[in-house]
């Protein structure tokens, strides 16, 4: 039975925290290969400990264990001078988890390995000179390398988790999808942003509806939430996600909100309380995969397994059709606006506004931003952006700069308006949301359609098709 077949039949229970269990061993620096605290390196130096931790979770009934690779991208391993061993670390982590899984799998209850892919620490959507200094293409390359090691090591799923920037999460999803196709493996892909508080927003302000709208049209199999908070703080976001998500839904919370005790983060939610909350999410909202994040232990997961197995046989959530929402970096906007119509602000167009043309020629982005905000205040739901100028030959650079600025400053999604496919592609790569591309037609034998529609599909955008 494959992972995909198993989740279609029953709710799957993931394991709990890896770091919490490693800390209990009180390892010395030598056991990390001289890189004290580098938990991911234990798959090279002490794979026996990592395998035993997997076994603890499997022994209490977990269906899925995550590889010890949360920080095993090249960017994170470079912090220890070991970026060149990225593939090896991920491959061996997958092998280690697979050994544990094979000890506990039975024909009627197979167990599975999910390859853990955590954030790189970069925030590509931000204007921070250090954290924002990375491109979507660079992130994809980084995640492809990690995913390749995991997939070639034999994982059943890839879980992209604790993501704080939706642009990085999209890069990781596209990388994971590319690798499973390259390796000809039906690897299940799970995308999990993390919401930093009970208000349901990611670190840079993306709410759960916007994250869902961005992810829905990407090549993922499940969308979920993990880390940052306990289950109670997630409740409203889990409900909203389950009601609208056309994919499977996963929820892996912490064992409550962390409390500072003598300088240490302590998680005090009891196993019974975690189990009750997750069982409630399954029963009330139809969540398909549950498990634990920071602070959760085998004792927590034993209680979760017992409660979830008691619900087996109950009707599953009927997944809705994919929503047609657009999204900015902050919120979702329905294409089928009620009351109609969807209003597109057209003033940020160099072809139709002398003022905008002058501002673009002067590189006056503050002035352009003022026009954008004025349109939103006047009722525009979406902003059309066209920066093509006969007097300049850097349309792509101006479009990328303006799209990124608008993403950080205006909550209306964008309509990317250019006749040049490379300009459209550049804008889609820097914009942390679901755009509309304006537009395609079948002129010149469909030349533009053949160039633009693959970009639209890959980035999960919408498109205006003109009947010329």
Protein backbone atom coordinates (compact mmCIF):
# COMPACT_ATOMS: atom_id res chain seq x y z
CA UNK A 1 0.00 0.00 0.00
CA UNK A 2 1.35 3.41 -0.93
CA UNK A 3 1.21 6.56 1.18
CA UNK A 4 -1.39 7.97 -1.21
CA UNK A 5 -3.58 4.89 -0.87
CA UNK A 6 -3.24 4.87 2.92
CA UNK A 7 -4.30 8.50 3.43
CA UNK A 8 -7.29 7.91 1.16
CA UNK A 9 -8.42 5.08 3.48
CA UNK A 10 -7.76 6.49 6.95
CA UNK A 11 -6.41 9.39 8.95
CA UNK A 12 -2.63 9.08 9.26
CA UNK A 13 -0.76 9.91 12.46
CA UNK A 14 2.69 11.48 12.11
CA UNK A 15 5.37 11.34 14.80
CA UNK A 16 6.32 14.08 17.25
CA UNK A 17 9.38 16.20 17.91
CA UNK A 18 12.83 14.91 17.01
CA UNK A 19 14.87 17.63 18.76
CA UNK A 20 13.13 17.07 22.09
CA UNK A 21 14.13 13.41 22.00
CA UNK A 22 17.72 14.12 20.95
CA UNK A 23 18.16 16.54 23.85
CA UNK A 24 17.30 13.75 26.29
CA UNK A 25 20.44 11.88 25.25
CA UNK A 26 22.67 14.74 26.48
CA UNK A 27 25.18 14.09 23.72
CA UNK A 28 28.70 15.49 23.73
CA UNK A 29 30.20 17.58 20.91
CA UNK A 30 32.21 14.60 19.66
CA UNK A 31 29.02 12.67 18.98
CA UNK A 32 27.96 15.44 16.59
CA UNK A 33 31.26 15.15 14.78
CA UNK A 34 32.55 18.17 16.66
CA UNK A 35 29.57 20.29 15.57
CA UNK A 36 27.73 20.47 18.88
CA UNK A 37 23.98 20.96 18.54
CA UNK A 38 23.92 20.04 14.85
CA UNK A 39 21.09 17.53 15.24
CA UNK A 40 20.84 16.73 11.54
CA UNK A 41 24.43 15.48 11.44
CA UNK A 42 23.58 12.60 13.78
CA UNK A 43 22.45 10.60 10.74
CA UNK A 44 26.17 10.47 9.88
CA UNK A 45 27.72 10.22 13.34
CA UNK A 46 25.09 8.41 15.47
CA UNK A 47 22.43 6.95 13.15
CA UNK A 48 21.64 4.40 15.86
CA UNK A 49 20.21 7.17 18.08
CA UNK A 50 18.14 8.63 15.25
CA UNK A 51 16.79 5.20 14.30
CA UNK A 52 15.87 4.48 17.91
CA UNK A 53 13.94 7.76 18.17
CA UNK A 54 12.00 6.83 15.04
CA UNK A 55 11.32 3.44 16.63
CA UNK A 56 9.90 5.04 19.79
CA UNK A 57 7.24 6.79 17.74
CA UNK A 58 6.52 3.73 15.63
CA UNK A 59 6.20 1.60 18.78
CA UNK A 60 3.32 3.76 20.04
CA UNK A 61 1.49 3.35 16.73
CA UNK A 62 2.49 6.32 14.53
CA UNK A 63 1.90 5.72 10.83
CA UNK A 64 4.57 8.14 9.60
CA UNK A 65 8.00 9.23 10.86
CA UNK A 66 9.81 12.28 9.55
CA UNK A 67 13.47 12.16 8.61
CA UNK A 68 15.94 14.03 10.78
CA UNK A 69 16.54 16.61 8.02
CA UNK A 70 14.60 19.71 9.06
CA UNK A 71 17.79 21.79 8.73
CA UNK A 72 19.51 19.78 6.00
CA UNK A 73 19.40 22.20 3.09
CA UNK A 74 22.76 23.34 1.75
CA UNK A 75 22.21 26.81 3.24
CA UNK A 76 21.73 25.40 6.74
CA UNK A 77 24.49 22.79 6.49
CA UNK A 78 26.88 25.49 5.26
CA UNK A 79 26.64 26.96 8.76
CA UNK A 80 28.66 23.93 9.88
CA UNK A 81 30.90 23.89 6.81
CA UNK A 82 29.14 20.81 5.47
CA UNK A 83 27.03 22.11 2.61
CA UNK A 84 28.95 19.86 0.21
CA UNK A 85 27.47 16.83 2.02
CA UNK A 86 23.84 17.88 1.52
CA UNK A 87 22.81 14.96 -0.67
CA UNK A 88 24.58 12.46 1.59
CA UNK A 89 22.94 13.76 4.79
CA UNK A 90 19.47 13.61 3.30
CA UNK A 91 20.01 10.24 1.64
CA UNK A 92 21.30 8.64 4.83
CA UNK A 93 18.51 10.17 6.89
CA UNK A 94 15.96 8.59 4.57
CA UNK A 95 17.73 5.22 4.79
CA UNK A 96 17.84 5.44 8.60
CA UNK A 97 14.12 6.18 8.85
CA UNK A 98 13.32 3.42 6.36
CA UNK A 99 15.17 0.86 8.49
CA UNK A 100 13.01 1.76 11.48
CA UNK A 101 9.82 1.70 9.43
CA UNK A 102 10.53 -1.76 8.05
CA UNK A 103 10.80 -3.12 11.60
CA UNK A 104 7.24 -2.06 12.38
CA UNK A 105 5.34 -2.34 9.08
CA UNK A 106 2.75 -5.06 8.62
CA UNK A 107 0.63 -5.89 5.55
CA UNK A 108 -2.50 -4.41 7.09
CA UNK A 109 -0.72 -1.46 8.77
CA UNK A 110 2.21 -0.26 6.65
CA UNK A 111 4.34 2.57 8.03
CA UNK A 112 5.81 5.41 6.00
CA UNK A 113 8.73 7.85 5.82
CA UNK A 114 8.22 11.55 5.20
CA UNK A 115 11.25 13.59 4.22
CA UNK A 116 11.36 16.74 6.32
CA UNK A 117 12.29 19.99 4.53
CA UNK A 118 12.45 23.04 6.78
CA UNK A 119 13.04 26.72 5.97
CA UNK A 120 16.43 27.99 4.87
CA UNK A 121 16.28 30.99 7.18
CA UNK A 122 15.92 33.38 4.24
CA UNK A 123 12.88 35.62 3.69
CA UNK A 124 12.76 36.27 -0.07
CA UNK A 125 9.53 38.30 0.13
CA UNK A 126 11.12 40.82 2.49
CA UNK A 127 13.25 43.87 1.74
CA UNK A 128 15.79 42.91 4.40
CA UNK A 129 19.23 43.38 2.75
CA UNK A 130 20.49 40.06 4.12
CA UNK A 131 17.46 37.77 4.54
CA UNK A 132 15.76 38.97 1.36
CA UNK A 133 18.89 38.65 -0.76
CA UNK A 134 18.02 35.45 -2.60
CA UNK A 135 16.09 34.63 -5.75
CA UNK A 136 13.35 32.10 -6.32
CA UNK A 137 15.62 30.26 -8.76
CA UNK A 138 18.36 29.97 -6.14
CA UNK A 139 15.89 28.66 -3.57
CA UNK A 140 14.58 26.08 -6.01
CA UNK A 141 18.10 24.81 -6.63
CA UNK A 142 18.71 24.55 -2.89
CA UNK A 143 15.49 22.62 -2.29
CA UNK A 144 15.97 20.38 -5.32
CA UNK A 145 19.31 19.21 -3.94
CA UNK A 146 17.76 18.34 -0.58
CA UNK A 147 14.69 16.71 -2.08
CA UNK A 148 16.83 14.60 -4.42
CA UNK A 149 18.72 13.06 -1.52
CA UNK A 150 15.48 12.29 0.31
CA UNK A 151 13.67 10.83 -2.70
CA UNK A 152 16.64 8.74 -3.79
CA UNK A 153 16.88 7.55 -0.19
CA UNK A 154 13.37 6.14 -0.49
CA UNK A 155 10.95 8.51 1.28
CA UNK A 156 7.23 8.07 0.63
CA UNK A 157 6.39 11.74 1.11
CA UNK A 158 8.06 15.13 1.32
CA UNK A 159 6.80 17.43 4.07
CA UNK A 160 7.81 21.06 3.55
CA UNK A 161 7.21 22.46 7.00
CA UNK A 162 7.42 25.43 9.35
CA UNK A 163 7.61 27.76 6.36
CA UNK A 164 7.48 31.45 7.25
CA UNK A 165 7.58 33.03 3.77
CA UNK A 166 5.06 31.92 1.14
CA UNK A 167 7.56 32.68 -1.65
CA UNK A 168 10.06 30.23 -0.16
CA UNK A 169 7.31 27.66 0.34
CA UNK A 170 6.35 27.93 -3.33
CA UNK A 171 9.98 27.44 -4.38
CA UNK A 172 10.20 24.32 -2.21
CA UNK A 173 6.97 22.89 -3.66
CA UNK A 174 8.15 23.42 -7.23
CA UNK A 175 11.50 21.84 -6.40
CA UNK A 176 9.86 18.82 -4.76
CA UNK A 177 7.55 18.31 -7.72
CA UNK A 178 10.46 18.56 -10.18
CA UNK A 179 12.46 15.94 -8.29
CA UNK A 180 9.63 13.42 -7.99
CA UNK A 181 9.12 13.70 -11.75
CA UNK A 182 12.84 13.43 -12.43
CA UNK A 183 13.12 10.33 -10.22
CA UNK A 184 9.86 8.82 -11.56
CA UNK A 185 8.55 8.39 -8.01
CA UNK A 186 4.99 9.03 -6.82
CA UNK A 187 6.14 10.94 -3.75
CA UNK A 188 3.32 12.65 -1.83
CA UNK A 189 4.02 16.39 -1.31
CA UNK A 190 2.77 18.22 1.79
CA UNK A 191 3.11 22.01 2.14
CA UNK A 192 2.87 23.48 5.64
CA UNK A 193 3.16 27.19 6.42
CA UNK A 194 3.46 28.15 10.06
CA UNK A 195 1.18 30.77 11.60
CA UNK A 196 2.95 32.69 14.32
CA UNK A 197 -0.05 33.48 16.52
CA UNK A 198 -3.77 32.98 17.08
CA UNK A 199 -4.51 35.71 14.52
CA UNK A 200 -3.60 33.20 11.83
CA UNK A 201 -0.81 35.00 9.98
CA UNK A 202 2.62 33.95 8.79
CA UNK A 203 5.69 35.93 9.85
CA UNK A 204 5.42 38.43 6.98
CA UNK A 205 1.66 38.91 7.34
CA UNK A 206 0.19 36.27 5.00
CA UNK A 207 -3.13 35.03 6.38
CA UNK A 208 -4.37 31.45 6.04
CA UNK A 209 -6.78 32.27 3.20
CA UNK A 210 -4.02 33.91 1.16
CA UNK A 211 -1.63 31.01 1.78
CA UNK A 212 -4.32 28.56 0.68
CA UNK A 213 -5.12 30.53 -2.48
CA UNK A 214 -1.43 30.58 -3.42
CA UNK A 215 -0.87 26.88 -2.73
CA UNK A 216 -4.11 25.46 -4.16
CA UNK A 217 -2.98 25.72 -7.78
CA UNK A 218 0.54 24.42 -7.14
CA UNK A 219 1.55 20.73 -7.47
CA UNK A 220 0.88 19.73 -3.86
CA UNK A 221 -1.10 16.79 -2.46
CA UNK A 222 -1.79 18.20 1.00
CA UNK A 223 -1.80 21.62 2.66
CA UNK A 224 -1.46 21.97 6.39
CA UNK A 225 -0.21 23.87 9.41
CA UNK A 226 2.50 23.11 11.92
CA UNK A 227 4.59 24.56 14.73
CA UNK A 228 4.60 28.05 16.35
CA UNK A 229 1.46 27.47 18.41
CA UNK A 230 -0.52 24.79 20.16
CA UNK A 231 -3.75 23.33 18.75
CA UNK A 232 -6.08 25.77 20.46
CA UNK A 233 -4.40 28.79 18.89
CA UNK A 234 -4.68 27.05 15.50
CA UNK A 235 -8.37 26.18 15.76
CA UNK A 236 -9.87 28.99 13.68
CA UNK A 237 -7.21 28.59 10.98
CA UNK A 238 -7.63 24.80 10.84
CA UNK A 239 -11.40 25.24 10.43
CA UNK A 240 -10.94 27.79 7.64
CA UNK A 241 -8.39 25.59 5.88
CA UNK A 242 -10.48 22.42 6.07
CA UNK A 243 -13.62 24.14 4.82
CA UNK A 244 -11.98 25.48 1.67
CA UNK A 245 -9.03 23.23 0.83
CA UNK A 246 -9.46 20.88 -2.14
CA UNK A 247 -6.41 18.86 -1.05
CA UNK A 248 -5.81 16.69 1.99
CA UNK A 249 -5.26 18.69 5.19
CA UNK A 250 -2.54 18.10 7.80
CA UNK A 251 -2.17 19.61 11.29
CA UNK A 252 0.97 19.15 13.44
CA UNK A 253 0.90 21.62 16.36
CA UNK A 254 3.30 22.13 19.22
CA UNK A 255 2.53 20.82 22.69
CA UNK A 256 0.99 24.18 23.53
CA UNK A 257 2.61 27.60 23.53
CA UNK A 258 6.20 27.57 24.81
CA UNK A 259 6.88 28.98 28.26
CA UNK A 260 10.27 30.30 29.37
CA UNK A 261 11.45 28.30 32.36
CA UNK A 262 15.00 29.11 33.50
CA UNK A 263 15.92 30.16 29.99
CA UNK A 264 14.51 27.02 28.39
CA UNK A 265 11.40 26.68 26.20
CA UNK A 266 9.00 24.35 27.99
CA UNK A 267 5.84 22.92 26.43
CA UNK A 268 3.22 21.99 29.00
CA UNK A 269 0.26 20.66 27.00
CA UNK A 270 -0.49 17.15 28.25
CA UNK A 271 -0.76 14.07 26.01
CA UNK A 272 -4.47 13.79 26.78
CA UNK A 273 -5.11 17.43 25.87
CA UNK A 274 -3.21 17.17 22.58
CA UNK A 275 -5.05 13.97 21.68
CA UNK A 276 -8.42 15.52 22.48
CA UNK A 277 -7.68 18.57 20.34
CA UNK A 278 -6.45 16.59 17.33
CA UNK A 279 -9.34 14.14 17.55
CA UNK A 280 -11.64 17.15 17.56
CA UNK A 281 -10.01 18.49 14.40
CA UNK A 282 -10.57 15.12 12.70
CA UNK A 283 -14.13 14.73 13.92
CA UNK A 284 -15.33 18.32 13.44
CA UNK A 285 -13.31 19.53 10.46
CA UNK A 286 -12.27 16.36 8.65
CA UNK A 287 -8.49 16.78 8.98
CA UNK A 288 -6.66 13.94 7.19
CA UNK A 289 -3.24 13.87 8.88
CA UNK A 290 -2.29 14.77 12.43
CA UNK A 291 0.85 14.66 14.51
CA UNK A 292 3.07 16.74 16.75
CA UNK A 293 5.77 19.35 16.48
CA UNK A 294 7.90 21.03 19.17
CA UNK A 295 7.58 19.59 22.65
CA UNK A 296 5.58 16.51 21.65
CA UNK A 297 6.86 13.12 22.78
CA UNK A 298 6.07 9.44 22.19
CA UNK A 299 3.71 9.71 25.17
CA UNK A 300 1.81 12.50 23.39
CA UNK A 301 1.61 10.47 20.21
CA UNK A 302 0.50 7.31 22.02
CA UNK A 303 -2.54 9.23 23.24
CA UNK A 304 -3.15 10.69 19.78
CA UNK A 305 -2.99 7.27 18.12
CA UNK A 306 -5.51 5.84 20.57
CA UNK A 307 -7.99 8.67 19.97
CA UNK A 308 -7.58 8.69 16.18
CA UNK A 309 -7.95 4.92 15.84
CA UNK A 310 -11.20 5.12 17.78
CA UNK A 311 -12.52 7.33 14.96
CA UNK A 312 -11.64 4.91 12.12
CA UNK A 313 -14.60 4.13 9.91
CA UNK A 314 -16.24 7.53 10.40
CA UNK A 315 -17.15 9.47 7.22
CA UNK A 316 -14.29 11.51 5.76
CA UNK A 317 -14.39 15.14 4.73
CA UNK A 318 -15.81 15.81 1.28
CA UNK A 319 -13.16 17.95 -0.32
CA UNK A 320 -14.51 21.00 -2.16
CA UNK A 321 -13.58 22.06 -5.67
CA UNK A 322 -10.54 24.36 -5.83
CA UNK A 323 -11.43 27.95 -5.05
CA UNK A 324 -10.78 30.58 -7.72
CA UNK A 325 -9.28 33.07 -5.31
CA UNK A 326 -6.40 35.34 -6.15
CA UNK A 327 -3.97 36.30 -3.41
CA UNK A 328 -1.58 39.01 -2.42
CA UNK A 329 1.12 38.55 0.19
CA UNK A 330 -1.50 39.41 2.80
CA UNK A 331 -5.01 38.32 1.82
CA UNK A 332 -7.16 36.38 -0.64
CA UNK A 333 -9.54 38.01 -3.13
CA UNK A 334 -12.23 35.92 -4.90
CA UNK A 335 -12.35 36.13 -8.69
CA UNK A 336 -16.10 35.66 -8.39
CA UNK A 337 -16.51 38.80 -6.32
CA UNK A 338 -19.82 39.27 -4.51
CA UNK A 339 -21.31 41.71 -5.16
CA UNK A 340 -19.93 41.75 -8.66
CA UNK A 341 -17.85 42.90 -10.46
CA UNK A 342 -14.20 42.31 -9.66
CA UNK A 343 -12.71 45.79 -10.04
CA UNK A 344 -9.28 46.05 -11.68
CA UNK A 345 -7.40 49.31 -11.10
CA UNK A 346 -5.76 50.32 -14.38
CA UNK A 347 -3.76 53.42 -13.43
CA UNK A 348 -0.40 51.65 -12.89
CA UNK A 349 -0.03 51.34 -16.65
CA UNK A 350 2.73 53.14 -18.53
CA UNK A 351 0.79 52.75 -21.77
CA UNK A 352 -2.27 54.56 -20.47
CA UNK A 353 -1.03 57.06 -17.88
CA UNK A 354 1.42 59.90 -18.59
CA UNK A 355 1.93 60.34 -14.84
CA UNK A 356 2.94 56.69 -14.37
CA UNK A 357 5.27 56.92 -17.37
CA UNK A 358 7.00 59.93 -15.83
CA UNK A 359 7.34 58.19 -12.48
CA UNK A 360 8.84 55.10 -14.10
CA UNK A 361 11.33 57.17 -16.09
CA UNK A 362 12.38 58.84 -12.84
CA UNK A 363 12.49 55.54 -10.88
CA UNK A 364 10.04 57.19 -8.46
CA UNK A 365 8.65 54.07 -6.80
CA UNK A 366 7.28 56.05 -3.86
CA UNK A 367 5.08 57.95 -6.31
CA UNK A 368 3.94 54.70 -7.96
CA UNK A 369 3.10 53.25 -4.57
CA UNK A 370 1.00 56.30 -3.77
CA UNK A 371 -1.03 55.75 -6.96
CA UNK A 372 -1.47 52.06 -6.08
CA UNK A 373 -2.74 52.86 -2.60
CA UNK A 374 -5.11 55.46 -4.00
CA UNK A 375 -6.67 52.88 -6.32
CA UNK A 376 -7.18 50.40 -3.48
CA UNK A 377 -8.73 53.09 -1.31
CA UNK A 378 -11.06 53.92 -4.21
CA UNK A 379 -12.26 50.32 -4.38
CA UNK A 380 -9.94 48.40 -6.70
CA UNK A 381 -9.73 44.69 -5.87
CA UNK A 382 -6.80 43.96 -8.24
CA UNK A 383 -4.08 46.24 -9.65
CA UNK A 384 -3.00 45.98 -13.29
CA UNK A 385 0.74 46.69 -13.61
CA UNK A 386 2.41 47.58 -16.90
CA UNK A 387 5.86 49.20 -16.96
CA UNK A 388 6.76 48.92 -20.68
CA UNK A 389 8.47 52.09 -21.97
CA UNK A 390 9.91 52.90 -25.39
CA UNK A 391 12.49 55.08 -23.65
CA UNK A 392 13.93 52.25 -21.52
CA UNK A 393 15.02 48.66 -22.11
CA UNK A 394 14.82 47.37 -18.53
CA UNK A 395 11.14 46.45 -18.37
CA UNK A 396 11.90 43.17 -16.58
CA UNK A 397 13.93 44.81 -13.81
CA UNK A 398 11.33 47.55 -13.27
CA UNK A 399 8.49 45.03 -13.19
CA UNK A 400 10.28 42.88 -10.60
CA UNK A 401 11.10 45.88 -8.42
CA UNK A 402 7.57 47.27 -8.55
CA UNK A 403 5.88 43.89 -8.03
CA UNK A 404 7.98 43.22 -4.92
CA UNK A 405 7.30 46.69 -3.53
CA UNK A 406 3.56 46.38 -4.10
CA UNK A 407 3.53 42.94 -2.45
CA UNK A 408 5.02 44.46 0.71
CA UNK A 409 2.84 47.57 0.74
CA UNK A 410 -0.58 46.91 -0.84
CA UNK A 411 -2.98 44.07 -0.04
CA UNK A 412 -4.58 43.90 -3.52
CA UNK A 413 -3.32 41.10 -5.82
CA UNK A 414 -1.65 42.07 -9.09
CA UNK A 415 -2.48 41.66 -12.76
CA UNK A 416 0.85 41.34 -14.59
CA UNK A 417 0.53 43.17 -17.90
CA UNK A 418 3.32 42.67 -20.44
CA UNK A 419 3.75 41.39 -23.98
CA UNK A 420 7.13 39.88 -23.04
CA UNK A 421 7.05 36.34 -21.56
CA UNK A 422 10.35 36.85 -19.72
CA UNK A 423 8.91 39.93 -17.97
CA UNK A 424 5.84 37.92 -16.95
CA UNK A 425 8.03 35.10 -15.64
CA UNK A 426 10.19 37.48 -13.61
CA UNK A 427 7.16 39.07 -11.99
CA UNK A 428 5.58 35.72 -11.12
CA UNK A 429 8.80 34.57 -9.47
CA UNK A 430 9.08 37.56 -7.13
CA UNK A 431 5.40 37.97 -6.27
CA UNK A 432 4.32 36.07 -3.13
CA UNK A 433 0.75 35.44 -4.18
CA UNK A 434 -1.55 34.28 -6.97
CA UNK A 435 -1.62 36.84 -9.80
CA UNK A 436 -3.57 37.25 -13.01
CA UNK A 437 -1.53 37.40 -16.20
CA UNK A 438 -2.88 39.89 -18.73
CA UNK A 439 -3.15 38.38 -21.31
CA UNK A 440 -2.95 35.68 -24.01
CA UNK A 441 -4.46 35.31 -27.46
CA UNK A 442 -3.94 33.18 -30.55
CA UNK A 443 -2.24 35.76 -32.72
CA UNK A 444 0.87 34.77 -34.65
CA UNK A 445 -0.10 31.13 -34.62
CA UNK A 446 -0.41 31.01 -30.85
CA UNK A 447 3.24 31.90 -30.29
CA UNK A 448 2.54 33.86 -27.08
CA UNK A 449 0.16 31.24 -25.68
CA UNK A 450 2.81 28.54 -25.98
CA UNK A 451 5.28 30.68 -24.02
CA UNK A 452 3.00 32.19 -21.37
CA UNK A 453 0.62 29.38 -20.39
CA UNK A 454 3.38 27.08 -19.05
CA UNK A 455 4.51 29.98 -16.83
CA UNK A 456 0.93 30.53 -15.67
CA UNK A 457 0.46 26.86 -14.86
CA UNK A 458 3.78 26.38 -13.10
CA UNK A 459 3.26 29.38 -10.83
CA UNK A 460 -0.42 28.70 -10.17
CA UNK A 461 -1.53 32.02 -11.70
CA UNK A 462 -4.78 32.94 -13.45
CA UNK A 463 -4.86 34.35 -16.99
CA UNK A 464 -7.00 36.61 -19.15
CA UNK A 465 -7.64 35.02 -22.56
CA UNK A 466 -8.62 37.46 -25.29
CA UNK A 467 -10.75 36.36 -28.26
CA UNK A 468 -8.75 38.18 -30.92
